[in-house]
PDB file of N, CA and C in Angstrom:
ATOM      1  N   GLN A   1      80.255 113.177  93.872  1.00  0.00           N
ATOM      2  CA  GLN A   1      81.331 114.100  94.215  1.00  0.00           C
ATOM      3  C   GLN A   1      82.504 113.322  94.802  1.00  0.00           C
ATOM      4  N   LEU A   2      83.706 113.725  94.421  1.00  0.00           N
ATOM      5  CA  LEU A   2      84.897 113.040  94.889  1.00  0.00           C
ATOM      6  C   LEU A   2      85.103 113.325  96.380  1.00  0.00           C
ATOM      7  N   GLN A   3      85.353 112.270  97.136  1.00  0.00           N
ATOM      8  CA  GLN A   3      85.658 112.419  98.559  1.00  0.00           C
ATOM      9  C   GLN A   3      86.938 111.675  98.885  1.00  0.00           C
ATOM     10  N   LEU A   4      87.722 112.239  99.794  1.00  0.00           N
ATOM     11  CA  LEU A   4      88.973 111.627 100.232  1.00  0.00           C
ATOM     12  C   LEU A   4      88.964 111.541 101.754  1.00  0.00           C
ATOM     13  N   VAL A   5      89.360 110.396 102.275  1.00  0.00           N
ATOM     14  CA  VAL A   5      89.395 110.191 103.713  1.00  0.00           C
ATOM     15  C   VAL A   5      90.729 109.579 104.097  1.00  0.00           C
ATOM     16  N   GLU A   6      91.463 110.290 104.975  1.00  0.00           N
ATOM     17  CA  GLU A   6      92.756 109.818 105.451  1.00  0.00           C
ATOM     18  C   GLU A   6      92.578 108.937 106.685  1.00  0.00           C
ATOM     19  N   SER A   7      93.478 107.993 106.847  1.00  0.00           N
ATOM     20  CA  SER A   7      93.521 107.166 108.053  1.00  0.00           C
ATOM     21  C   SER A   7      94.949 106.709 108.284  1.00  0.00           C
ATOM     22  N   GLY A   8      95.198 106.194 109.494  1.00  0.00           N
ATOM     23  CA  GLY A   8      96.504 105.622 109.792  1.00  0.00           C
ATOM     24  C   GLY A   8      97.435 106.516 110.588  1.00  0.00           C
ATOM     25  N   GLY A   9      96.987 107.702 110.932  1.00  0.00           N
ATOM     26  CA  GLY A   9      97.842 108.584 111.715  1.00  0.00           C
ATOM     27  C   GLY A   9      97.931 108.147 113.168  1.00  0.00           C
ATOM     28  N   GLY A  10      98.690 108.923 113.946  1.00  0.00           N
ATOM     29  CA  GLY A  10      98.807 108.616 115.363  1.00  0.00           C
ATOM     30  C   GLY A  10     100.114 109.093 115.937  1.00  0.00           C
ATOM     31  N   LEU A  11     100.457 108.529 117.088  1.00  0.00           N
ATOM     32  CA  LEU A  11     101.681 108.865 117.805  1.00  0.00           C
ATOM     33  C   LEU A  11     102.714 107.767 117.588  1.00  0.00           C
ATOM     34  N   VAL A  12     103.919 108.176 117.247  1.00  0.00           N
ATOM     35  CA  VAL A  12     104.996 107.211 117.021  1.00  0.00           C
ATOM     36  C   VAL A  12     106.288 107.803 117.553  1.00  0.00           C
ATOM     37  N   GLN A  13     107.187 106.941 117.992  1.00  0.00           N
ATOM     38  CA  GLN A  13     108.483 107.402 118.490  1.00  0.00           C
ATOM     39  C   GLN A  13     109.415 107.749 117.337  1.00  0.00           C
ATOM     40  N   PRO A  14     110.367 108.622 117.576  1.00  0.00           N
ATOM     41  CA  PRO A  14     111.365 108.913 116.529  1.00  0.00           C
ATOM     42  C   PRO A  14     112.031 107.627 116.050  1.00  0.00           C
ATOM     43  N   GLY A  15     112.201 107.548 114.741  1.00  0.00           N
ATOM     44  CA  GLY A  15     112.750 106.353 114.129  1.00  0.00           C
ATOM     45  C   GLY A  15     111.706 105.325 113.748  1.00  0.00           C
ATOM     46  N   GLY A  16     110.494 105.530 114.181  1.00  0.00           N
ATOM     47  CA  GLY A  16     109.417 104.594 113.892  1.00  0.00           C
ATOM     48  C   GLY A  16     108.786 104.804 112.533  1.00  0.00           C
ATOM     49  N   SER A  17     107.731 104.026 112.279  1.00  0.00           N
ATOM     50  CA  SER A  17     107.058 104.054 110.983  1.00  0.00           C
ATOM     51  C   SER A  17     105.549 104.159 111.153  1.00  0.00           C
ATOM     52  N   LEU A  18     104.926 104.748 110.153  1.00  0.00           N
ATOM     53  CA  LEU A  18     103.477 104.786 110.036  1.00  0.00           C
ATOM     54  C   LEU A  18     103.123 104.651 108.569  1.00  0.00           C
ATOM     55  N   ARG A  19     101.945 104.121 108.292  1.00  0.00           N
ATOM     56  CA  ARG A  19     101.439 104.109 106.930  1.00  0.00           C
ATOM     57  C   ARG A  19     100.104 104.823 106.897  1.00  0.00           C
ATOM     58  N   LEU A  20     100.061 105.909 106.157  1.00  0.00           N
ATOM     59  CA  LEU A  20      98.818 106.637 105.962  1.00  0.00           C
ATOM     60  C   LEU A  20      98.090 106.093 104.737  1.00  0.00           C
ATOM     61  N   SER A  21      96.775 106.085 104.824  1.00  0.00           N
ATOM     62  CA  SER A  21      95.941 105.686 103.692  1.00  0.00           C
ATOM     63  C   SER A  21      95.033 106.839 103.308  1.00  0.00           C
ATOM     64  N   CYS A  22      94.754 106.939 102.031  1.00  0.00           N
ATOM     65  CA  CYS A  22      93.822 107.936 101.510  1.00  0.00           C
ATOM     66  C   CYS A  22      92.805 107.180 100.661  1.00  0.00           C
ATOM     67  N   ALA A  23      91.616 106.993 101.206  1.00  0.00           N
ATOM     68  CA  ALA A  23      90.558 106.284 100.497  1.00  0.00           C
ATOM     69  C   ALA A  23      89.746 107.278  99.681  1.00  0.00           C
ATOM     70  N   VAL A  24      89.620 106.990  98.393  1.00  0.00           N
ATOM     71  CA  VAL A  24      88.944 107.886  97.464  1.00  0.00           C
ATOM     72  C   VAL A  24      87.611 107.264  97.034  1.00  0.00           C
ATOM     73  N   SER A  25      86.555 108.050  97.050  1.00  0.00           N
ATOM     74  CA  SER A  25      85.255 107.562  96.602  1.00  0.00           C
ATOM     75  C   SER A  25      84.591 108.604  95.726  1.00  0.00           C
ATOM     76  N   GLY A  26      83.659 108.164  94.897  1.00  0.00           N
ATOM     77  CA  GLY A  26      82.890 109.065  94.050  1.00  0.00           C
ATOM     78  C   GLY A  26      83.374 109.152  92.622  1.00  0.00           C
ATOM     79  N   PHE A  27      84.574 108.636  92.370  1.00  0.00           N
ATOM     80  CA  PHE A  27      85.120 108.700  91.015  1.00  0.00           C
ATOM     81  C   PHE A  27      86.275 107.715  90.939  1.00  0.00           C
ATOM     82  N   PRO A  28      86.524 107.113  89.805  1.00  0.00           N
ATOM     83  CA  PRO A  28      87.653 106.176  89.706  1.00  0.00           C
ATOM     84  C   PRO A  28      88.978 106.869  89.991  1.00  0.00           C
ATOM     85  N   LEU A  29      89.768 106.236  90.822  1.00  0.00           N
ATOM     86  CA  LEU A  29      91.028 106.847  91.237  1.00  0.00           C
ATOM     87  C   LEU A  29      91.960 107.084  90.062  1.00  0.00           C
ATOM     88  N   ASN A  30      91.892 106.224  89.036  1.00  0.00           N
ATOM     89  CA  ASN A  30      92.887 106.319  87.964  1.00  0.00           C
ATOM     90  C   ASN A  30      92.708 107.561  87.087  1.00  0.00           C
ATOM     91  N   TYR A  31      91.719 108.396  87.358  1.00  0.00           N
ATOM     92  CA  TYR A  31      91.574 109.666  86.653  1.00  0.00           C
ATOM     93  C   TYR A  31      92.428 110.768  87.284  1.00  0.00           C
ATOM     94  N   TYR A  32      93.000 110.482  88.468  1.00  0.00           N
ATOM     95  CA  TYR A  32      93.590 111.548  89.261  1.00  0.00           C
ATOM     96  C   TYR A  32      95.033 111.284  89.638  1.00  0.00           C
ATOM     97  N   ALA A  33      95.775 112.366  89.781  1.00  0.00           N
ATOM     98  CA  ALA A  33      97.009 112.335  90.553  1.00  0.00           C
ATOM     99  C   ALA A  33      96.635 112.627  92.009  1.00  0.00           C
ATOM    100  N   ILE A  34      97.331 111.995  92.921  1.00  0.00           N
ATOM    101  CA  ILE A  34      97.058 112.179  94.353  1.00  0.00           C
ATOM    102  C   ILE A  34      98.308 112.687  95.033  1.00  0.00           C
ATOM    103  N   GLY A  35      98.124 113.720  95.824  1.00  0.00           N
ATOM    104  CA  GLY A  35      99.242 114.282  96.563  1.00  0.00           C
ATOM    105  C   GLY A  35      99.022 114.206  98.060  1.00  0.00           C
ATOM    106  N   TRP A  36     100.131 114.223  98.786  1.00  0.00           N
ATOM    107  CA  TRP A  36     100.107 114.344 100.246  1.00  0.00           C
ATOM    108  C   TRP A  36     100.746 115.673 100.628  1.00  0.00           C
ATOM    109  N   PHE A  37     100.098 116.354 101.537  1.00  0.00           N
ATOM    110  CA  PHE A  37     100.607 117.604 102.089  1.00  0.00           C
ATOM    111  C   PHE A  37     100.636 117.475 103.604  1.00  0.00           C
ATOM    112  N   ARG A  38     101.342 118.379 104.237  1.00  0.00           N
ATOM    113  CA  ARG A  38     101.327 118.427 105.694  1.00  0.00           C
ATOM    114  C   ARG A  38     101.425 119.876 106.153  1.00  0.00           C
ATOM    115  N   GLN A  39     100.877 120.095 107.349  1.00  0.00           N
ATOM    116  CA  GLN A  39     100.932 121.429 107.941  1.00  0.00           C
ATOM    117  C   GLN A  39     101.205 121.304 109.427  1.00  0.00           C
ATOM    118  N   ALA A  40     102.330 121.846 109.828  1.00  0.00           N
ATOM    119  CA  ALA A  40     102.707 121.865 111.238  1.00  0.00           C
ATOM    120  C   ALA A  40     102.203 123.160 111.873  1.00  0.00           C
ATOM    121  N   PRO A  41     102.028 123.168 113.185  1.00  0.00           N
ATOM    122  CA  PRO A  41     101.544 124.385 113.849  1.00  0.00           C
ATOM    123  C   PRO A  41     102.423 125.588 113.543  1.00  0.00           C
ATOM    124  N   GLY A  42     101.791 126.679 113.124  1.00  0.00           N
ATOM    125  CA  GLY A  42     102.524 127.907 112.848  1.00  0.00           C
ATOM    126  C   GLY A  42     103.274 127.918 111.536  1.00  0.00           C
ATOM    127  N   LYS A  43     103.103 126.872 110.734  1.00  0.00           N
ATOM    128  CA  LYS A  43     103.818 126.806 109.459  1.00  0.00           C
ATOM    129  C   LYS A  43     102.831 126.694 108.301  1.00  0.00           C
ATOM    130  N   GLU A  44     103.319 126.997 107.120  1.00  0.00           N
ATOM    131  CA  GLU A  44     102.489 126.873 105.923  1.00  0.00           C
ATOM    132  C   GLU A  44     102.371 125.404 105.517  1.00  0.00           C
ATOM    133  N   ARG A  45     101.280 125.123 104.800  1.00  0.00           N
ATOM    134  CA  ARG A  45     101.118 123.774 104.259  1.00  0.00           C
ATOM    135  C   ARG A  45     102.201 123.515 103.218  1.00  0.00           C
ATOM    136  N   GLU A  46     102.796 122.327 103.264  1.00  0.00           N
ATOM    137  CA  GLU A  46     103.855 122.001 102.316  1.00  0.00           C
ATOM    138  C   GLU A  46     103.567 120.668 101.634  1.00  0.00           C
ATOM    139  N   GLY A  47     103.979 120.602 100.381  1.00  0.00           N
ATOM    140  CA  GLY A  47     103.834 119.365  99.647  1.00  0.00           C
ATOM    141  C   GLY A  47     104.842 118.337 100.117  1.00  0.00           C
ATOM    142  N   VAL A  48     104.396 117.097 100.241  1.00  0.00           N
ATOM    143  CA  VAL A  48     105.240 116.001 100.702  1.00  0.00           C
ATOM    144  C   VAL A  48     105.548 115.033  99.559  1.00  0.00           C
ATOM    145  N   SER A  49     104.504 114.646  98.830  1.00  0.00           N
ATOM    146  CA  SER A  49     104.680 113.647  97.791  1.00  0.00           C
ATOM    147  C   SER A  49     103.505 113.700  96.836  1.00  0.00           C
ATOM    148  N   CYS A  50     103.705 113.116  95.660  1.00  0.00           N
ATOM    149  CA  CYS A  50     102.632 113.053  94.669  1.00  0.00           C
ATOM    150  C   CYS A  50     102.835 111.796  93.837  1.00  0.00           C
ATOM    151  N   ILE A  51     101.727 111.181  93.443  1.00  0.00           N
ATOM    152  CA  ILE A  51     101.781 110.061  92.512  1.00  0.00           C
ATOM    153  C   ILE A  51     100.818 110.359  91.377  1.00  0.00           C
ATOM    154  N   THR A  52     101.322 110.258  90.147  1.00  0.00           N
ATOM    155  CA  THR A  52     100.491 110.577  88.999  1.00  0.00           C
ATOM    156  C   THR A  52      99.539 109.421  88.683  1.00  0.00           C
ATOM    157  N   SER A  53      98.637 109.656  87.770  1.00  0.00           N
ATOM    158  CA  SER A  53      97.701 108.606  87.360  1.00  0.00           C
ATOM    159  C   SER A  53      98.435 107.438  86.700  1.00  0.00           C
ATOM    160  N   ASP A  54      99.630 107.692  86.194  1.00  0.00           N
ATOM    161  CA  ASP A  54     100.447 106.636  85.580  1.00  0.00           C
ATOM    162  C   ASP A  54     101.382 105.970  86.577  1.00  0.00           C
ATOM    163  N   GLY A  55     101.376 106.443  87.816  1.00  0.00           N
ATOM    164  CA  GLY A  55     102.208 105.820  88.839  1.00  0.00           C
ATOM    165  C   GLY A  55     103.570 106.442  89.040  1.00  0.00           C
ATOM    166  N   ASP A  56     103.863 107.556  88.354  1.00  0.00           N
ATOM    167  CA  ASP A  56     105.111 108.254  88.602  1.00  0.00           C
ATOM    168  C   ASP A  56     105.052 108.945  89.964  1.00  0.00           C
ATOM    169  N   THR A  57     106.175 108.956  90.651  1.00  0.00           N
ATOM    170  CA  THR A  57     106.190 109.491  92.017  1.00  0.00           C
ATOM    171  C   THR A  57     107.155 110.653  92.159  1.00  0.00           C
ATOM    172  N   MET A  58     106.821 111.540  93.064  1.00  0.00           N
ATOM    173  CA  MET A  58     107.658 112.709  93.366  1.00  0.00           C
ATOM    174  C   MET A  58     107.648 112.930  94.869  1.00  0.00           C
ATOM    175  N   TYR A  59     108.759 113.464  95.388  1.00  0.00           N
ATOM    176  CA  TYR A  59     108.899 113.657  96.822  1.00  0.00           C
ATOM    177  C   TYR A  59     109.562 114.994  97.122  1.00  0.00           C
ATOM    178  N   ALA A  60     109.189 115.560  98.252  1.00  0.00           N
ATOM    179  CA  ALA A  60     109.938 116.693  98.779  1.00  0.00           C
ATOM    180  C   ALA A  60     111.308 116.202  99.242  1.00  0.00           C
ATOM    181  N   ASP A  61     112.305 117.072  99.167  1.00  0.00           N
ATOM    182  CA  ASP A  61     113.656 116.683  99.575  1.00  0.00           C
ATOM    183  C   ASP A  61     113.689 116.240 101.036  1.00  0.00           C
ATOM    184  N   SER A  62     112.838 116.826 101.851  1.00  0.00           N
ATOM    185  CA  SER A  62     112.860 116.539 103.284  1.00  0.00           C
ATOM    186  C   SER A  62     112.416 115.113 103.612  1.00  0.00           C
ATOM    187  N   VAL A  63     111.740 114.445 102.691  1.00  0.00           N
ATOM    188  CA  VAL A  63     111.243 113.098 102.974  1.00  0.00           C
ATOM    189  C   VAL A  63     111.810 112.053 102.015  1.00  0.00           C
ATOM    190  N   LYS A  64     112.569 112.489 101.030  1.00  0.00           N
ATOM    191  CA  LYS A  64     113.099 111.564 100.025  1.00  0.00           C
ATOM    192  C   LYS A  64     113.949 110.508 100.702  1.00  0.00           C
ATOM    193  N   GLY A  65     113.716 109.253 100.337  1.00  0.00           N
ATOM    194  CA  GLY A  65     114.460 108.154 100.933  1.00  0.00           C
ATOM    195  C   GLY A  65     113.836 107.600 102.203  1.00  0.00           C
ATOM    196  N   ARG A  66     112.867 108.329 102.761  1.00  0.00           N
ATOM    197  CA  ARG A  66     112.199 107.867 103.988  1.00  0.00           C
ATOM    198  C   ARG A  66     110.730 107.546 103.743  1.00  0.00           C
ATOM    199  N   PHE A  67     110.089 108.306 102.863  1.00  0.00           N
ATOM    200  CA  PHE A  67     108.664 108.116 102.581  1.00  0.00           C
ATOM    201  C   PHE A  67     108.495 107.479 101.210  1.00  0.00           C
ATOM    202  N   THR A  68     107.462 106.661 101.082  1.00  0.00           N
ATOM    203  CA  THR A  68     107.136 106.029  99.806  1.00  0.00           C
ATOM    204  C   THR A  68     105.641 106.146  99.553  1.00  0.00           C
ATOM    205  N   ILE A  69     105.291 106.696  98.400  1.00  0.00           N
ATOM    206  CA  ILE A  69     103.891 106.812  98.017  1.00  0.00           C
ATOM    207  C   ILE A  69     103.562 105.698  97.029  1.00  0.00           C
ATOM    208  N   SER A  70     102.350 105.156  97.145  1.00  0.00           N
ATOM    209  CA  SER A  70     101.919 104.102  96.228  1.00  0.00           C
ATOM    210  C   SER A  70     100.406 104.195  96.067  1.00  0.00           C
ATOM    211  N   ARG A  71      99.911 103.519  95.054  1.00  0.00           N
ATOM    212  CA  ARG A  71      98.472 103.560  94.827  1.00  0.00           C
ATOM    213  C   ARG A  71      97.966 102.182  94.443  1.00  0.00           C
ATOM    214  N   ASP A  72      96.736 101.875  94.854  1.00  0.00           N
ATOM    215  CA  ASP A  72      96.056 100.641  94.487  1.00  0.00           C
ATOM    216  C   ASP A  72      94.727 101.072  93.876  1.00  0.00           C
ATOM    217  N   ASP A  73      94.697 101.155  92.553  1.00  0.00           N
ATOM    218  CA  ASP A  73      93.495 101.646  91.878  1.00  0.00           C
ATOM    219  C   ASP A  73      92.306 100.707  92.083  1.00  0.00           C
ATOM    220  N   ALA A  74      92.567  99.429  92.256  1.00  0.00           N
ATOM    221  CA  ALA A  74      91.467  98.485  92.484  1.00  0.00           C
ATOM    222  C   ALA A  74      90.760  98.764  93.807  1.00  0.00           C
ATOM    223  N   LYS A  75      91.523  99.259  94.786  1.00  0.00           N
ATOM    224  CA  LYS A  75      90.957  99.593  96.090  1.00  0.00           C
ATOM    225  C   LYS A  75      90.655 101.081  96.210  1.00  0.00           C
ATOM    226  N   ASN A  76      90.934 101.841  95.139  1.00  0.00           N
ATOM    227  CA  ASN A  76      90.725 103.293  95.181  1.00  0.00           C
ATOM    228  C   ASN A  76      91.418 103.928  96.390  1.00  0.00           C
ATOM    229  N   THR A  77      92.641 103.506  96.638  1.00  0.00           N
ATOM    230  CA  THR A  77      93.368 103.957  97.821  1.00  0.00           C
ATOM    231  C   THR A  77      94.808 104.298  97.462  1.00  0.00           C
ATOM    232  N   VAL A  78      95.294 105.360  98.066  1.00  0.00           N
ATOM    233  CA  VAL A  78      96.689 105.756  97.948  1.00  0.00           C
ATOM    234  C   VAL A  78      97.311 105.670  99.337  1.00  0.00           C
ATOM    235  N   TYR A  79      98.561 105.227  99.390  1.00  0.00           N
ATOM    236  CA  TYR A  79      99.255 105.033 100.657  1.00  0.00           C
ATOM    237  C   TYR A  79     100.489 105.932 100.731  1.00  0.00           C
ATOM    238  N   LEU A  80     100.834 106.296 101.944  1.00  0.00           N
ATOM    239  CA  LEU A  80     102.093 106.977 102.200  1.00  0.00           C
ATOM    240  C   LEU A  80     102.789 106.227 103.327  1.00  0.00           C
ATOM    241  N   GLN A  81     103.798 105.454 102.964  1.00  0.00           N
ATOM    242  CA  GLN A  81     104.596 104.732 103.950  1.00  0.00           C
ATOM    243  C   GLN A  81     105.676 105.669 104.462  1.00  0.00           C
ATOM    244  N   MET A  82     105.687 105.897 105.765  1.00  0.00           N
ATOM    245  CA  MET A  82     106.632 106.839 106.370  1.00  0.00           C
ATOM    246  C   MET A  82     107.544 106.083 107.310  1.00  0.00           C
ATOM    247  N   ASN A  83     108.818 106.046 106.989  1.00  0.00           N
ATOM    248  CA  ASN A  83     109.824 105.355 107.805  1.00  0.00           C
ATOM    249  C   ASN A  83     110.812 106.363 108.374  1.00  0.00           C
ATOM    250  N   SER A  84     111.556 105.927 109.361  1.00  0.00           N
ATOM    251  CA  SER A  84     112.587 106.771 109.993  1.00  0.00           C
ATOM    252  C   SER A  84     112.015 108.139 110.356  1.00  0.00           C
ATOM    253  N   LEU A  85     110.888 108.115 110.998  1.00  0.00           N
ATOM    254  CA  LEU A  85     110.196 109.371 111.302  1.00  0.00           C
ATOM    255  C   LEU A  85     110.981 110.215 112.301  1.00  0.00           C
ATOM    256  N   LYS A  86     110.865 111.525 112.109  1.00  0.00           N
ATOM    257  CA  LYS A  86     111.569 112.497 112.933  1.00  0.00           C
ATOM    258  C   LYS A  86     110.542 113.419 113.601  1.00  0.00           C
ATOM    259  N   PRO A  87     110.914 114.038 114.709  1.00  0.00           N
ATOM    260  CA  PRO A  87     109.969 114.973 115.346  1.00  0.00           C
ATOM    261  C   PRO A  87     109.487 116.062 114.391  1.00  0.00           C
ATOM    262  N   GLU A  88     110.340 116.476 113.476  1.00  0.00           N
ATOM    263  CA  GLU A  88     109.930 117.528 112.528  1.00  0.00           C
ATOM    264  C   GLU A  88     108.928 117.040 111.490  1.00  0.00           C
ATOM    265  N   ASP A  89     108.624 115.751 111.469  1.00  0.00           N
ATOM    266  CA  ASP A  89     107.555 115.247 110.604  1.00  0.00           C
ATOM    267  C   ASP A  89     106.177 115.420 111.248  1.00  0.00           C
ATOM    268  N   THR A  90     106.160 115.856 112.496  1.00  0.00           N
ATOM    269  CA  THR A  90     104.889 116.076 113.187  1.00  0.00           C
ATOM    270  C   THR A  90     104.073 117.141 112.474  1.00  0.00           C
ATOM    271  N   ALA A  91     102.842 116.798 112.121  1.00  0.00           N
ATOM    272  CA  ALA A  91     101.974 117.713 111.382  1.00  0.00           C
ATOM    273  C   ALA A  91     100.617 117.051 111.167  1.00  0.00           C
ATOM    274  N   ILE A  92      99.691 117.844 110.665  1.00  0.00           N
ATOM    275  CA  ILE A  92      98.466 117.277 110.112  1.00  0.00           C
ATOM    276  C   ILE A  92      98.736 116.956 108.639  1.00  0.00           C
ATOM    277  N   TYR A  93      98.438 115.743 108.261  1.00  0.00           N
ATOM    278  CA  TYR A  93      98.695 115.300 106.898  1.00  0.00           C
ATOM    279  C   TYR A  93      97.372 115.240 106.119  1.00  0.00           C
ATOM    280  N   TYR A  94      97.420 115.768 104.909  1.00  0.00           N
ATOM    281  CA  TYR A  94      96.253 115.816 104.032  1.00  0.00           C
ATOM    282  C   TYR A  94      96.554 115.110 102.719  1.00  0.00           C
ATOM    283  N   CYS A  95      95.567 114.408 102.181  1.00  0.00           N
ATOM    284  CA  CYS A  95      95.683 113.951 100.806  1.00  0.00           C
ATOM    285  C   CYS A  95      94.742 114.785  99.941  1.00  0.00           C
ATOM    286  N   ALA A  96      95.097 114.885  98.675  1.00  0.00           N
ATOM    287  CA  ALA A  96      94.352 115.734  97.749  1.00  0.00           C
ATOM    288  C   ALA A  96      94.400 115.136  96.353  1.00  0.00           C
ATOM    289  N   ALA A  97      93.371 115.434  95.575  1.00  0.00           N
ATOM    290  CA  ALA A  97      93.243 114.882  94.229  1.00  0.00           C
ATOM    291  C   ALA A  97      93.353 115.983  93.187  1.00  0.00           C
ATOM    292  N   LEU A  98      94.088 115.676  92.135  1.00  0.00           N
ATOM    293  CA  LEU A  98      94.309 116.623  91.039  1.00  0.00           C
ATOM    294  C   LEU A  98      93.908 115.944  89.737  1.00  0.00           C
ATOM    295  N   ARG A  99      92.926 116.527  89.055  1.00  0.00           N
ATOM    296  CA  ARG A  99      92.536 115.974  87.755  1.00  0.00           C
ATOM    297  C   ARG A  99      93.162 116.834  86.673  1.00  0.00           C
ATOM    298  N   GLY A 100      94.280 116.396  86.207  1.00  0.00           N
ATOM    299  CA  GLY A 100      95.007 117.154  85.205  1.00  0.00           C
ATOM    300  C   GLY A 100      96.366 116.530  85.001  1.00  0.00           C
ATOM    301  N   GLU A 101      97.136 117.170  84.169  1.00  0.00           N
ATOM    302  CA  GLU A 101      98.456 116.643  83.846  1.00  0.00           C
ATOM    303  C   GLU A 101      99.468 117.014  84.932  1.00  0.00           C
ATOM    304  N   VAL A 102     100.256 116.051  85.315  1.00  0.00           N
ATOM    305  CA  VAL A 102     101.374 116.285  86.222  1.00  0.00           C
ATOM    306  C   VAL A 102     102.625 115.801  85.508  1.00  0.00           C
ATOM    307  N   VAL A 103     103.611 116.660  85.423  1.00  0.00           N
ATOM    308  CA  VAL A 103     104.825 116.325  84.680  1.00  0.00           C
ATOM    309  C   VAL A 103     105.684 115.389  85.510  1.00  0.00           C
ATOM    310  N   PRO A 104     105.931 114.176  85.033  1.00  0.00           N
ATOM    311  CA  PRO A 104     106.813 113.275  85.775  1.00  0.00           C
ATOM    312  C   PRO A 104     108.197 113.891  85.946  1.00  0.00           C
ATOM    313  N   ASP A 105     108.797 113.664  87.090  1.00  0.00           N
ATOM    314  CA  ASP A 105     110.130 114.188  87.402  1.00  0.00           C
ATOM    315  C   ASP A 105     110.152 115.711  87.481  1.00  0.00           C
ATOM    316  N   GLY A 106     108.985 116.325  87.470  1.00  0.00           N
ATOM    317  CA  GLY A 106     108.924 117.771  87.640  1.00  0.00           C
ATOM    318  C   GLY A 106     108.767 118.135  89.104  1.00  0.00           C
ATOM    319  N   PRO A 107     108.572 119.420  89.384  1.00  0.00           N
ATOM    320  CA  PRO A 107     108.365 119.825  90.781  1.00  0.00           C
ATOM    321  C   PRO A 107     107.021 119.324  91.301  1.00  0.00           C
ATOM    322  N   LEU A 108     106.911 119.213  92.607  1.00  0.00           N
ATOM    323  CA  LEU A 108     105.632 118.847  93.197  1.00  0.00           C
ATOM    324  C   LEU A 108     104.584 119.894  92.831  1.00  0.00           C
ATOM    325  N   PRO A 109     103.385 119.447  92.460  1.00  0.00           N
ATOM    326  CA  PRO A 109     102.318 120.425  92.183  1.00  0.00           C
ATOM    327  C   PRO A 109     102.012 121.280  93.413  1.00  0.00           C
ATOM    328  N   TYR A 110     101.607 122.516  93.168  1.00  0.00           N
ATOM    329  CA  TYR A 110     101.241 123.409  94.255  1.00  0.00           C
ATOM    330  C   TYR A 110      99.862 123.042  94.792  1.00  0.00           C
ATOM    331  N   SER A 111      99.577 123.457  96.012  1.00  0.00           N
ATOM    332  CA  SER A 111      98.301 123.094  96.630  1.00  0.00           C
ATOM    333  C   SER A 111      97.114 123.630  95.836  1.00  0.00           C
ATOM    334  N   TYR A 112      97.261 124.801  95.213  1.00  0.00           N
ATOM    335  CA  TYR A 112      96.132 125.388  94.493  1.00  0.00           C
ATOM    336  C   TYR A 112      95.764 124.598  93.238  1.00  0.00           C
ATOM    337  N   GLU A 113      96.640 123.695  92.814  1.00  0.00           N
ATOM    338  CA  GLU A 113      96.373 122.896  91.629  1.00  0.00           C
ATOM    339  C   GLU A 113      95.449 121.714  91.927  1.00  0.00           C
ATOM    340  N   TYR A 114      95.247 121.416  93.201  1.00  0.00           N
ATOM    341  CA  TYR A 114      94.425 120.280  93.575  1.00  0.00           C
ATOM    342  C   TYR A 114      92.961 120.684  93.688  1.00  0.00           C
ATOM    343  N   ASP A 115      92.100 119.738  93.329  1.00  0.00           N
ATOM    344  CA  ASP A 115      90.671 120.027  93.250  1.00  0.00           C
ATOM    345  C   ASP A 115      89.888 119.603  94.487  1.00  0.00           C
ATOM    346  N   ASN A 116      90.322 118.558  95.126  1.00  0.00           N
ATOM    347  CA  ASN A 116      89.574 118.005  96.262  1.00  0.00           C
ATOM    348  C   ASN A 116      90.557 117.624  97.363  1.00  0.00           C
ATOM    349  N   TRP A 117      90.112 117.798  98.606  1.00  0.00           N
ATOM    350  CA  TRP A 117      90.971 117.562  99.771  1.00  0.00           C
ATOM    351  C   TRP A 117      90.273 116.685 100.797  1.00  0.00           C
ATOM    352  N   GLY A 118      91.082 115.903 101.508  1.00  0.00           N
ATOM    353  CA  GLY A 118      90.593 115.205 102.677  1.00  0.00           C
ATOM    354  C   GLY A 118      90.569 116.129 103.886  1.00  0.00           C
ATOM    355  N   GLN A 119      90.095 115.596 104.995  1.00  0.00           N
ATOM    356  CA  GLN A 119      89.929 116.425 106.189  1.00  0.00           C
ATOM    357  C   GLN A 119      91.216 116.528 107.019  1.00  0.00           C
ATOM    358  N   GLY A 120      92.170 115.675 106.725  1.00  0.00           N
ATOM    359  CA  GLY A 120      93.449 115.713 107.435  1.00  0.00           C
ATOM    360  C   GLY A 120      93.497 114.731 108.589  1.00  0.00           C
ATOM    361  N   ILE A 121      94.715 114.327 108.934  1.00  0.00           N
ATOM    362  CA  ILE A 121      94.910 113.403 110.043  1.00  0.00           C
ATOM    363  C   ILE A 121      96.219 113.757 110.748  1.00  0.00           C
ATOM    364  N   GLN A 122      96.206 113.637 112.062  1.00  0.00           N
ATOM    365  CA  GLN A 122      97.362 114.037 112.862  1.00  0.00           C
ATOM    366  C   GLN A 122      98.414 112.931 112.893  1.00  0.00           C
ATOM    367  N   VAL A 123      99.651 113.353 112.685  1.00  0.00           N
ATOM    368  CA  VAL A 123     100.820 112.487 112.894  1.00  0.00           C
ATOM    369  C   VAL A 123     101.731 113.192 113.892  1.00  0.00           C
ATOM    370  N   THR A 124     102.039 112.510 114.979  1.00  0.00           N
ATOM    371  CA  THR A 124     102.906 113.068 116.014  1.00  0.00           C
ATOM    372  C   THR A 124     104.082 112.141 116.228  1.00  0.00           C
ATOM    373  N   VAL A 125     105.271 112.701 116.095  1.00  0.00           N
ATOM    374  CA  VAL A 125     106.499 111.932 116.307  1.00  0.00           C
ATOM    375  C   VAL A 125     107.166 112.476 117.564  1.00  0.00           C
ATOM    376  N   SER A 126     107.148 111.669 118.604  1.00  0.00           N
ATOM    377  CA  SER A 126     107.647 112.142 119.901  1.00  0.00           C
ATOM    378  C   SER A 126     107.994 110.948 120.777  1.00  0.00           C
ATOM    379  N   SER A 127     108.996 111.154 121.610  1.00  0.00           N
ATOM    380  CA  SER A 127     109.346 110.120 122.578  1.00  0.00           C
ATOM    381  C   SER A 127     108.637 110.363 123.906  1.00  0.00           C
TER     382      SER A 127
END
């Protein structure tokens, strides 16, 4: 069974950086598109970024230019590099796997399109 485990979260000051990792086990990563979502207290879960099995990337407007998603299929790991962090980036961040077609340069896939989820990790941006 496919499992996803996030790591790399924590507390960072505004303007700082963090790199989240999503380690995938149970199936070769290159079969899947991987997405990152986040959920802040009292808010709905929102899509942040996605990388297709071919390496195409997509971002929410709120993080474009600040966050970078990448994948290392040899390590079965996907990364989310987060720079210039803002207090409004504070949330629990989740990675998720989607086995299916994702249209490059299209909209971010919806959460219901993903098949497997990690447990989430806290990111807090505060001075």
